[in-house]
C-alpha atoms as a PDB file:
ATOM      1  CA  UNK A   1      -0.016   0.173   0.080  1.00  0.00           C
ATOM      2  CA  UNK A   2       1.645   3.257  -1.512  1.00  0.00           C
ATOM      3  CA  UNK A   3       0.811   6.641   0.836  1.00  0.00           C
ATOM      4  CA  UNK A   4      -0.119   9.215  -0.812  1.00  0.00           C
ATOM      5  CA  UNK A   5       2.094  12.600   0.028  1.00  0.00           C
ATOM      6  CA  UNK A   6       0.393  16.005  -0.197  1.00  0.00           C
ATOM      7  CA  UNK A   7       2.864  18.746  -0.545  1.00  0.00           C
ATOM      8  CA  UNK A   8       3.978  16.740  -3.663  1.00  0.00           C
ATOM      9  CA  UNK A   9       1.417  17.481  -5.817  1.00  0.00           C
ATOM     10  CA  UNK A  10       0.675  20.920  -4.624  1.00  0.00           C
ATOM     11  CA  UNK A  11       1.857  22.703  -8.059  1.00  0.00           C
ATOM     12  CA  UNK A  12       4.393  26.110  -7.027  1.00  0.00           C
ATOM     13  CA  UNK A  13       1.647  28.352  -8.354  1.00  0.00           C
ATOM     14  CA  UNK A  14      -0.794  27.133  -5.637  1.00  0.00           C
ATOM     15  CA  UNK A  15       1.376  28.206  -2.470  1.00  0.00           C
ATOM     16  CA  UNK A  16       2.968  31.642  -3.783  1.00  0.00           C
ATOM     17  CA  UNK A  17      -0.890  32.714  -3.812  1.00  0.00           C
ATOM     18  CA  UNK A  18      -1.597  31.236  -0.315  1.00  0.00           C
ATOM     19  CA  UNK A  19       1.249  33.653   0.615  1.00  0.00           C
ATOM     20  CA  UNK A  20       0.719  36.494  -1.252  1.00  0.00           C
ATOM     21  CA  UNK A  21      -2.881  36.809  -0.093  1.00  0.00           C
ATOM     22  CA  UNK A  22      -1.724  36.083   3.524  1.00  0.00           C
ATOM     23  CA  UNK A  23       0.614  39.441   2.127  1.00  0.00           C
ATOM     24  CA  UNK A  24      -1.936  41.366   0.823  1.00  0.00           C
ATOM     25  CA  UNK A  25      -4.881  40.658   3.568  1.00  0.00           C
ATOM     26  CA  UNK A  26      -1.909  42.203   6.642  1.00  0.00           C
ATOM     27  CA  UNK A  27      -1.678  44.173   4.470  1.00  0.00           C
ATOM     28  CA  UNK A  28      -5.544  45.264   3.680  1.00  0.00           C
ATOM     29  CA  UNK A  29      -5.101  46.185   7.714  1.00  0.00           C
ATOM     30  CA  UNK A  30      -2.906  47.786   8.599  1.00  0.00           C
ATOM     31  CA  UNK A  31      -4.176  49.813   5.809  1.00  0.00           C
ATOM     32  CA  UNK A  32      -7.031  49.937   7.648  1.00  0.00           C
ATOM     33  CA  UNK A  33      -6.872  50.618  11.467  1.00  0.00           C
ATOM     34  CA  UNK A  34      -4.705  53.385   9.818  1.00  0.00           C
ATOM     35  CA  UNK A  35      -7.316  54.362   9.097  1.00  0.00           C
ATOM     36  CA  UNK A  36      -9.634  53.687  11.238  1.00  0.00           C
ATOM     37  CA  UNK A  37      -6.953  56.233  13.257  1.00  0.00           C
ATOM     38  CA  UNK A  38      -6.594  58.798  11.508  1.00  0.00           C
ATOM     39  CA  UNK A  39     -10.549  59.628  11.500  1.00  0.00           C
ATOM     40  CA  UNK A  40     -10.174  59.127  15.066  1.00  0.00           C
ATOM     41  CA  UNK A  41      -7.834  61.437  15.209  1.00  0.00           C
ATOM     42  CA  UNK A  42      -9.114  63.922  13.254  1.00  0.00           C
ATOM     43  CA  UNK A  43     -12.711  64.124  15.021  1.00  0.00           C
ATOM     44  CA  UNK A  44     -13.072  66.452  17.268  1.00  0.00           C
ATOM     45  CA  UNK A  45     -12.228  66.426  20.440  1.00  0.00           C
ATOM     46  CA  UNK A  46     -14.681  68.792  22.521  1.00  0.00           C
ATOM     47  CA  UNK A  47     -13.072  68.820  25.748  1.00  0.00           C
ATOM     48  CA  UNK A  48      -9.732  69.768  24.743  1.00  0.00           C
ATOM     49  CA  UNK A  49     -10.881  72.937  22.255  1.00  0.00           C
ATOM     50  CA  UNK A  50     -12.484  74.151  25.328  1.00  0.00           C
ATOM     51  CA  UNK A  51      -8.754  73.257  26.552  1.00  0.00           C
ATOM     52  CA  UNK A  52      -6.301  74.924  24.651  1.00  0.00           C
ATOM     53  CA  UNK A  53      -8.226  75.736  21.329  1.00  0.00           C
ATOM     54  CA  UNK A  54      -8.445  79.868  21.059  1.00  0.00           C
ATOM     55  CA  UNK A  55     -11.766  79.975  22.506  1.00  0.00           C
ATOM     56  CA  UNK A  56     -10.286  79.634  25.762  1.00  0.00           C
ATOM     57  CA  UNK A  57      -7.833  82.577  25.305  1.00  0.00           C
ATOM     58  CA  UNK A  58     -10.806  84.777  24.690  1.00  0.00           C
ATOM     59  CA  UNK A  59     -12.255  83.786  28.149  1.00  0.00           C
ATOM     60  CA  UNK A  60      -8.273  83.703  29.604  1.00  0.00           C
ATOM     61  CA  UNK A  61      -8.280  87.621  28.333  1.00  0.00           C
ATOM     62  CA  UNK A  62     -12.352  87.903  29.002  1.00  0.00           C
ATOM     63  CA  UNK A  63     -12.165  87.109  32.537  1.00  0.00           C
ATOM     64  CA  UNK A  64     -12.130  89.541  34.724  1.00  0.00           C
ATOM     65  CA  UNK A  65      -9.609  89.715  37.843  1.00  0.00           C
ATOM     66  CA  UNK A  66      -9.817  89.273  41.583  1.00  0.00           C
ATOM     67  CA  UNK A  67      -9.784  92.553  43.702  1.00  0.00           C
ATOM     68  CA  UNK A  68      -6.235  92.702  45.918  1.00  0.00           C
ATOM     69  CA  UNK A  69      -7.508  91.860  49.612  1.00  0.00           C
ATOM     70  CA  UNK A  70      -8.102  94.553  51.725  1.00  0.00           C
ATOM     71  CA  UNK A  71      -5.646  95.222  54.349  1.00  0.00           C
ATOM     72  CA  UNK A  72      -5.801  93.691  57.600  1.00  0.00           C
ATOM     73  CA  UNK A  73      -6.325  97.850  59.420  1.00  0.00           C
ATOM     74  CA  UNK A  74      -8.642  98.789  57.408  1.00  0.00           C
ATOM     75  CA  UNK A  75     -10.782  95.251  57.996  1.00  0.00           C
ATOM     76  CA  UNK A  76     -13.448  94.851  61.043  1.00  0.00           C
ATOM     77  CA  UNK A  77     -12.037  93.177  63.641  1.00  0.00           C
ATOM     78  CA  UNK A  78     -12.773  90.918  64.696  1.00  0.00           C
ATOM     79  CA  UNK A  79     -14.746  89.484  67.957  1.00  0.00           C
ATOM     80  CA  UNK A  80     -13.264  85.969  69.150  1.00  0.00           C
ATOM     81  CA  UNK A  81     -15.226  84.392  71.710  1.00  0.00           C
ATOM     82  CA  UNK A  82     -14.305  84.327  75.816  1.00  0.00           C
ATOM     83  CA  UNK A  83     -11.595  86.201  77.412  1.00  0.00           C
ATOM     84  CA  UNK A  84      -7.712  86.849  77.553  1.00  0.00           C
ATOM     85  CA  UNK A  85      -5.626  83.419  78.352  1.00  0.00           C
ATOM     86  CA  UNK A  86      -8.627  81.623  77.399  1.00  0.00           C
ATOM     87  CA  UNK A  87      -7.621  77.710  76.284  1.00  0.00           C
ATOM     88  CA  UNK A  88      -8.851  78.375  72.552  1.00  0.00           C
ATOM     89  CA  UNK A  89     -11.392  76.776  70.799  1.00  0.00           C
ATOM     90  CA  UNK A  90     -11.511  73.085  69.234  1.00  0.00           C
ATOM     91  CA  UNK A  91     -13.175  72.118  66.747  1.00  0.00           C
ATOM     92  CA  UNK A  92     -13.729  68.475  66.211  1.00  0.00           C
ATOM     93  CA  UNK A  93     -12.587  66.453  64.624  1.00  0.00           C
ATOM     94  CA  UNK A  94     -14.990  64.423  63.691  1.00  0.00           C
ATOM     95  CA  UNK A  95     -18.600  66.074  62.099  1.00  0.00           C
ATOM     96  CA  UNK A  96     -20.428  62.285  61.734  1.00  0.00           C
ATOM     97  CA  UNK A  97     -21.889  62.688  65.260  1.00  0.00           C
ATOM     98  CA  UNK A  98     -24.117  64.968  64.255  1.00  0.00           C
ATOM     99  CA  UNK A  99     -25.348  63.645  60.984  1.00  0.00           C
ATOM    100  CA  UNK A 100     -26.273  60.354  63.318  1.00  0.00           C
ATOM    101  CA  UNK A 101     -29.894  60.143  63.456  1.00  0.00           C
ATOM    102  CA  UNK A 102     -30.434  60.638  66.940  1.00  0.00           C
ATOM    103  CA  UNK A 103     -28.721  63.388  67.462  1.00  0.00           C
ATOM    104  CA  UNK A 104     -28.275  63.748  71.084  1.00  0.00           C
ATOM    105  CA  UNK A 105     -30.448  60.713  72.299  1.00  0.00           C
ATOM    106  CA  UNK A 106     -27.831  58.629  70.873  1.00  0.00           C
ATOM    107  CA  UNK A 107     -26.035  59.049  74.220  1.00  0.00           C
ATOM    108  CA  UNK A 108     -26.835  56.253  76.594  1.00  0.00           C
ATOM    109  CA  UNK A 109     -28.199  57.727  79.468  1.00  0.00           C
ATOM    110  CA  UNK A 110     -26.896  57.657  82.801  1.00  0.00           C
ATOM    111  CA  UNK A 111     -27.112  54.049  84.970  1.00  0.00           C
ATOM    112  CA  UNK A 112     -28.675  55.657  88.386  1.00  0.00           C
ATOM    113  CA  UNK A 113     -31.949  56.553  85.797  1.00  0.00           C
ATOM    114  CA  UNK A 114     -34.422  54.029  84.922  1.00  0.00           C
ATOM    115  CA  UNK A 115     -35.481  53.742  80.805  1.00  0.00           C
ATOM    116  CA  UNK A 116     -39.241  53.970  79.918  1.00  0.00           C
ATOM    117  CA  UNK A 117     -40.447  51.298  79.470  1.00  0.00           C
ATOM    118  CA  UNK A 118     -41.290  50.887  75.408  1.00  0.00           C
ATOM    119  CA  UNK A 119     -45.102  50.526  74.465  1.00  0.00           C
ATOM    120  CA  UNK A 120     -46.571  47.343  73.947  1.00  0.00           C
ATOM    121  CA  UNK A 121     -47.232  46.960  70.225  1.00  0.00           C
ATOM    122  CA  UNK A 122     -50.759  45.886  68.904  1.00  0.00           C
ATOM    123  CA  UNK A 123     -51.505  43.800  66.378  1.00  0.00           C
ATOM    124  CA  UNK A 124     -53.980  40.531  64.874  1.00  0.00           C
ATOM    125  CA  UNK A 125     -53.980  37.669  64.536  1.00  0.00           C
ATOM    126  CA  UNK A 126     -56.778  36.217  61.196  1.00  0.00           C
ATOM    127  CA  UNK A 127     -55.289  32.616  62.258  1.00  0.00           C
ATOM    128  CA  UNK A 128     -52.988  30.347  63.349  1.00  0.00           C
ATOM    129  CA  UNK A 129     -51.722  27.209  60.417  1.00  0.00           C
ATOM    130  CA  UNK A 130     -49.987  24.126  60.909  1.00  0.00           C
ATOM    131  CA  UNK A 131     -49.773  24.054  57.055  1.00  0.00           C
ATOM    132  CA  UNK A 132     -48.497  26.945  55.669  1.00  0.00           C
ATOM    133  CA  UNK A 133     -50.045  26.540  52.557  1.00  0.00           C
ATOM    134  CA  UNK A 134     -53.775  27.524  53.897  1.00  0.00           C
ATOM    135  CA  UNK A 135     -51.700  29.949  55.865  1.00  0.00           C
ATOM    136  CA  UNK A 136     -49.760  31.069  51.877  1.00  0.00           C
ATOM    137  CA  UNK A 137     -53.677  31.266  50.613  1.00  0.00           C
ATOM    138  CA  UNK A 138     -54.442  33.558  53.357  1.00  0.00           C
ATOM    139  CA  UNK A 139     -51.911  36.521  53.132  1.00  0.00           C
ATOM    140  CA  UNK A 140     -53.122  36.085  49.229  1.00  0.00           C
ATOM    141  CA  UNK A 141     -56.405  36.688  49.935  1.00  0.00           C
ATOM    142  CA  UNK A 142     -55.993  39.814  52.151  1.00  0.00           C
ATOM    143  CA  UNK A 143     -54.114  40.667  49.364  1.00  0.00           C
ATOM    144  CA  UNK A 144     -56.301  41.323  47.020  1.00  0.00           C
ATOM    145  CA  UNK A 145     -58.255  43.749  49.227  1.00  0.00           C
ATOM    146  CA  UNK A 146     -55.288  44.577  49.477  1.00  0.00           C
ATOM    147  CA  UNK A 147     -54.185  44.978  52.699  1.00  0.00           C
ATOM    148  CA  UNK A 148     -50.522  43.017  53.797  1.00  0.00           C
ATOM    149  CA  UNK A 149     -49.893  40.688  55.952  1.00  0.00           C
ATOM    150  CA  UNK A 150     -46.833  39.067  57.281  1.00  0.00           C
ATOM    151  CA  UNK A 151     -46.598  35.022  58.063  1.00  0.00           C
ATOM    152  CA  UNK A 152     -44.409  34.144  61.408  1.00  0.00           C
ATOM    153  CA  UNK A 153     -43.105  30.975  61.823  1.00  0.00           C
ATOM    154  CA  UNK A 154     -43.342  29.383  65.591  1.00  0.00           C
ATOM    155  CA  UNK A 155     -43.062  26.339  67.334  1.00  0.00           C
ATOM    156  CA  UNK A 156     -44.809  25.090  69.969  1.00  0.00           C
ATOM    157  CA  UNK A 157     -44.083  22.448  72.792  1.00  0.00           C
ATOM    158  CA  UNK A 158     -47.273  20.912  72.390  1.00  0.00           C
ATOM    159  CA  UNK A 159     -48.669  22.257  69.156  1.00  0.00           C
ATOM    160  CA  UNK A 160     -45.018  21.949  66.873  1.00  0.00           C
ATOM    161  CA  UNK A 161     -44.885  24.324  64.098  1.00  0.00           C
ATOM    162  CA  UNK A 162     -47.755  27.159  63.840  1.00  0.00           C
ATOM    163  CA  UNK A 163     -48.106  29.736  60.625  1.00  0.00           C
ATOM    164  CA  UNK A 164     -49.186  33.146  62.361  1.00  0.00           C
ATOM    165  CA  UNK A 165     -50.714  35.214  59.798  1.00  0.00           C
ATOM    166  CA  UNK A 166     -50.530  38.655  61.196  1.00  0.00           C
ATOM    167  CA  UNK A 167     -51.370  42.614  60.520  1.00  0.00           C
ATOM    168  CA  UNK A 168     -49.254  45.068  61.968  1.00  0.00           C
ATOM    169  CA  UNK A 169     -47.550  46.679  64.456  1.00  0.00           C
ATOM    170  CA  UNK A 170     -49.623  49.425  65.094  1.00  0.00           C
ATOM    171  CA  UNK A 171     -49.068  52.404  66.350  1.00  0.00           C
ATOM    172  CA  UNK A 172     -52.556  53.670  67.698  1.00  0.00           C
ATOM    173  CA  UNK A 173     -55.554  51.863  68.502  1.00  0.00           C
ATOM    174  CA  UNK A 174     -57.246  53.946  65.433  1.00  0.00           C
ATOM    175  CA  UNK A 175     -55.491  52.879  62.867  1.00  0.00           C
ATOM    176  CA  UNK A 176     -56.070  48.715  63.716  1.00  0.00           C
ATOM    177  CA  UNK A 177     -59.760  48.824  64.962  1.00  0.00           C
ATOM    178  CA  UNK A 178     -60.369  50.862  61.113  1.00  0.00           C
ATOM    179  CA  UNK A 179     -57.911  47.584  60.141  1.00  0.00           C
ATOM    180  CA  UNK A 180     -59.913  45.068  62.227  1.00  0.00           C
ATOM    181  CA  UNK A 181     -63.881  46.841  60.450  1.00  0.00           C
ATOM    182  CA  UNK A 182     -62.003  45.736  56.818  1.00  0.00           C
ATOM    183  CA  UNK A 183     -61.985  43.259  57.524  1.00  0.00           C
ATOM    184  CA  UNK A 184     -65.176  41.950  59.914  1.00  0.00           C
ATOM    185  CA  UNK A 185     -66.476  43.578  56.716  1.00  0.00           C
ATOM    186  CA  UNK A 186     -65.907  40.617  54.467  1.00  0.00           C
ATOM    187  CA  UNK A 187     -66.170  37.638  56.614  1.00  0.00           C
ATOM    188  CA  UNK A 188     -62.522  37.640  58.305  1.00  0.00           C
ATOM    189  CA  UNK A 189     -62.123  37.798  62.320  1.00  0.00           C
ATOM    190  CA  UNK A 190     -59.272  39.136  63.629  1.00  0.00           C
ATOM    191  CA  UNK A 191     -57.949  38.885  67.899  1.00  0.00           C
ATOM    192  CA  UNK A 192     -55.248  41.526  68.766  1.00  0.00           C
ATOM    193  CA  UNK A 193     -52.397  40.711  70.271  1.00  0.00           C
ATOM    194  CA  UNK A 194     -50.058  42.824  72.501  1.00  0.00           C
ATOM    195  CA  UNK A 195     -46.494  42.181  71.846  1.00  0.00           C
ATOM    196  CA  UNK A 196     -44.182  44.053  75.252  1.00  0.00           C
ATOM    197  CA  UNK A 197     -45.382  44.855  77.755  1.00  0.00           C
END
């Protein structure tokens, strides 16, 4: 069996054509790259003309020069707080303490003073379900009514895992009573739950 050598079957003219094609493609690529670079450099750059162009020279000439500062004797005397010999008032190094929410309230109370007890939060509980799908169904029904509810998962030792559907917290009992009346009109009963003191 005789193995055919492909290099012997290609005539010299075909090899030269391939090299000429590669060279021609390289030359065309360089010319295209040069043309794109020339086009980009030819287009005006808006910031460059403004800073270095003839318009910038005109703007520099037309700008009014600031007036020289008045001599210290012509200025009004500056009143400094305190008496002579007092320590100078130092500006605090950081002023972000003033920006933080709470401001003065952010300082902890002294240990001797009792803290006021937080007011209890009011919630409306609409149900407690062992099946999470039931809790989600009630939440979806409330959403269709325009009421946003939350589902809380609680583990009780005697009943297992329960999924509570609750509304709130309510800041005022009046707000809670308004929502409770809306629920009652739609056939949903709700019980009031106080969380906290």
